[in-house]
Amino acid sequence: MLQNIITSKTRIKLLLKFFLNKNTKSYLRNLEAEFGESTNAIRIELNRLESAGLLTSELLGNKKYFRANTHHPLFSDIHNILIKTIGIDQILEHVTSKIGDLKEAYLVGDLALGRDSKIIDILLYGNEINGSYVSQLVEKVEKHMERKIRYLILNEDEKNNYLQRHDHLLIWRI
């Protein structure tokens, strides 16, 4: 069954959408606009993932909203595979442990929304973070990935203001 799940590009987009950020929920027409694919292809894959128990759904008005089934035994495995495929694990391993007094790291931008992107946007929050060293580490990590990394280093007030206005996903906390 897992082989069947990862064969379709639409399925991969849906898994990324729902399993990278467990709080994501969406409906068919919204996914059609976001993916640029036919509603029929998306509907088929949504139904397959729902019948496999990987997605749950609820009706709100005339829209059927889907979200990841966080109670499914494969939820954590799929989430971890996505984190590794994107390269977030490498960023966390190489960057967060060596840059100073890092308190939190957030994924922001398209990936925080579950949209695939060649750019990984990271927000780093802490005290006395060495920006030039972060830049060196990011450059090293990018050589091993097929993605670029953009980062912001913010203090607590800046972080709170930024997170209020942007979608985000906490990926690391001390």
Protein backbone atom coordinates (compact mmCIF):
# COMPACT_ATOMS: atom_id res chain seq x y z
CA MET A 1 0.00 0.00 0.00
CA LEU A 2 2.83 2.46 0.80
CA GLN A 3 4.19 1.89 -2.73
CA ASN A 4 0.80 2.94 -4.06
CA ILE A 5 0.82 6.09 -1.92
CA ILE A 6 4.08 7.51 -3.26
CA THR A 7 3.65 6.87 -6.98
CA SER A 8 1.46 9.79 -7.97
CA LYS A 9 2.72 13.38 -8.23
CA THR A 10 -0.65 14.59 -7.04
CA ARG A 11 -0.45 12.25 -4.06
CA ILE A 12 3.01 13.53 -3.22
CA LYS A 13 1.75 17.12 -3.32
CA LEU A 14 -1.16 16.14 -1.07
CA LEU A 15 1.09 14.34 1.39
CA LEU A 16 3.39 17.36 1.51
CA LYS A 17 0.42 19.66 1.97
CA PHE A 18 -1.13 17.73 4.84
CA PHE A 19 1.72 15.82 6.50
CA LEU A 20 4.40 18.48 6.74
CA ASN A 21 2.17 20.69 8.89
CA LYS A 22 -0.42 18.62 10.74
CA ASN A 23 -2.65 21.67 11.25
CA THR A 24 -3.20 22.20 7.52
CA LYS A 25 -6.70 21.68 6.22
CA SER A 26 -8.02 22.38 2.75
CA TYR A 27 -10.86 21.65 0.37
CA LEU A 28 -10.96 20.46 -3.24
CA ARG A 29 -11.34 23.76 -5.12
CA ASN A 30 -8.62 25.39 -3.03
CA LEU A 31 -6.26 22.51 -3.86
CA GLU A 32 -7.16 22.78 -7.55
CA ALA A 33 -6.11 26.44 -7.59
CA GLU A 34 -2.96 25.76 -5.58
CA PHE A 35 -1.76 22.70 -7.53
CA GLY A 36 -2.94 23.79 -10.97
CA GLU A 37 -4.36 20.32 -11.63
CA SER A 38 -7.81 19.06 -12.49
CA THR A 39 -10.34 18.62 -9.73
CA ASN A 40 -10.90 15.04 -10.88
CA ALA A 41 -7.25 14.01 -10.38
CA ILE A 42 -7.15 15.68 -6.98
CA ARG A 43 -10.52 14.19 -5.93
CA ILE A 44 -9.35 10.67 -6.84
CA GLU A 45 -6.19 11.04 -4.76
CA LEU A 46 -8.03 12.62 -1.82
CA ASN A 47 -10.51 9.73 -1.84
CA ARG A 48 -7.68 7.17 -1.98
CA LEU A 49 -5.84 8.79 0.92
CA GLU A 50 -9.05 9.09 2.91
CA SER A 51 -10.04 5.47 2.29
CA ALA A 52 -6.53 4.41 3.39
CA GLY A 53 -7.15 6.30 6.62
CA LEU A 54 -4.34 8.79 6.03
CA LEU A 55 -6.72 11.76 5.71
CA THR A 56 -9.86 12.65 7.58
CA SER A 57 -12.58 14.97 6.35
CA GLU A 58 -15.37 17.14 7.68
CA LEU A 59 -18.18 19.02 6.02
CA LEU A 60 -18.34 22.74 6.77
CA GLY A 61 -21.18 24.34 4.85
CA ASN A 62 -20.97 23.00 1.32
CA LYS A 63 -17.23 22.31 1.46
CA LYS A 64 -15.53 19.08 2.43
CA TYR A 65 -12.30 19.90 4.27
CA PHE A 66 -9.47 17.39 4.46
CA ARG A 67 -6.62 17.12 6.96
CA ALA A 68 -4.00 14.56 7.95
CA ASN A 69 -5.10 11.80 10.27
CA THR A 70 -2.53 12.33 13.03
CA HIS A 71 -3.72 9.13 14.72
CA HIS A 72 -2.78 6.95 11.75
CA PRO A 73 0.18 4.67 12.56
CA LEU A 74 2.11 5.99 9.54
CA PHE A 75 1.60 9.69 10.26
CA SER A 76 4.93 10.15 12.08
CA ASP A 77 6.80 8.08 9.51
CA ILE A 78 5.42 10.06 6.57
CA HIS A 79 6.09 13.35 8.37
CA ASN A 80 9.71 12.31 9.06
CA ILE A 81 10.24 11.17 5.47
CA LEU A 82 9.05 14.57 4.23
CA ILE A 83 11.33 16.39 6.69
CA LYS A 84 14.29 14.34 5.43
CA THR A 85 13.34 14.66 1.77
CA ILE A 86 13.14 18.43 2.02
CA GLY A 87 16.37 18.60 4.03
CA ILE A 88 15.04 20.20 7.19
CA ASP A 89 16.77 17.51 9.23
CA GLN A 90 20.14 18.56 7.79
CA ILE A 91 19.47 22.20 8.60
CA LEU A 92 18.55 21.33 12.15
CA GLU A 93 21.53 19.04 12.60
CA HIS A 94 24.16 21.38 11.17
CA VAL A 95 22.89 24.86 11.86
CA THR A 96 20.86 24.93 15.08
CA SER A 97 23.46 23.32 17.32
CA LYS A 98 26.36 25.65 16.50
CA ILE A 99 25.14 29.21 16.08
CA GLY A 100 24.81 30.64 19.58
CA ASP A 101 21.89 30.93 21.94
CA LEU A 102 19.17 29.68 19.59
CA LYS A 103 15.81 29.31 21.31
CA GLU A 104 13.45 28.44 18.42
CA ALA A 105 13.50 27.74 14.71
CA TYR A 106 10.45 28.05 12.45
CA LEU A 107 9.74 26.98 8.92
CA VAL A 108 8.01 29.86 7.12
CA GLY A 109 7.01 30.57 3.54
CA ASP A 110 5.66 28.03 1.06
CA LEU A 111 6.86 24.93 2.89
CA ALA A 112 5.09 26.01 6.08
CA LEU A 113 1.91 26.00 3.99
CA GLY A 114 2.70 22.53 2.64
CA ARG A 115 3.67 23.78 -0.82
CA ASP A 116 6.80 22.32 -2.34
CA SER A 117 9.49 24.89 -2.93
CA LYS A 118 13.13 24.98 -3.95
CA ILE A 119 13.65 27.58 -1.21
CA ILE A 120 13.53 26.72 2.48
CA ASP A 121 12.61 29.78 4.52
CA ILE A 122 13.71 29.57 8.15
CA LEU A 123 13.16 32.01 11.01
CA LEU A 124 15.74 31.76 13.81
CA TYR A 125 15.02 33.28 17.20
CA GLY A 126 17.53 33.64 20.00
CA ASN A 127 20.10 35.81 21.69
CA GLU A 128 23.51 36.65 20.27
CA ILE A 129 23.17 34.45 17.20
CA ASN A 130 26.28 34.70 15.05
CA GLY A 131 24.84 35.73 11.65
CA SER A 132 28.09 35.37 9.72
CA TYR A 133 28.57 31.87 11.09
CA VAL A 134 24.96 30.99 10.21
CA SER A 135 25.68 32.16 6.68
CA GLN A 136 28.74 29.90 6.45
CA LEU A 137 26.81 26.90 7.79
CA VAL A 138 23.88 27.51 5.43
CA GLU A 139 26.29 27.64 2.50
CA LYS A 140 27.77 24.27 3.52
CA VAL A 141 24.34 22.65 3.98
CA GLU A 142 23.09 23.98 0.61
CA LYS A 143 25.93 22.15 -1.18
CA HIS A 144 24.41 18.85 -0.04
CA MET A 145 20.85 19.77 -0.97
CA GLU A 146 18.93 20.68 -4.10
CA ARG A 147 17.35 23.63 -2.32
CA LYS A 148 18.35 27.11 -1.27
CA ILE A 149 17.96 28.31 2.30
CA ARG A 150 16.82 31.80 3.27
CA TYR A 151 16.91 32.71 6.91
CA LEU A 152 15.88 35.51 9.23
CA ILE A 153 17.43 36.09 12.64
CA LEU A 154 15.02 37.96 14.90
CA ASN A 155 14.75 39.02 18.52
CA GLU A 156 11.65 38.18 20.55
CA ASP A 157 9.59 41.27 19.64
CA GLU A 158 10.44 40.97 15.95
CA LYS A 159 9.67 37.23 16.04
CA ASN A 160 6.25 37.74 17.62
CA ASN A 161 5.31 40.43 15.10
CA TYR A 162 6.52 38.32 12.18
CA LEU A 163 4.70 35.17 13.31
CA GLN A 164 1.44 37.05 13.77
CA ARG A 165 1.51 38.03 10.08
CA HIS A 166 2.94 34.87 8.48
CA ASP A 167 2.15 31.18 8.39
CA HIS A 168 4.77 29.22 10.29
CA LEU A 169 5.66 25.81 11.61
CA LEU A 170 7.79 25.37 14.73
CA ILE A 171 10.56 22.90 13.84
CA TRP A 172 12.95 23.29 16.78
CA ARG A 173 12.79 24.58 20.35
CA ILE A 174 15.33 24.40 23.13
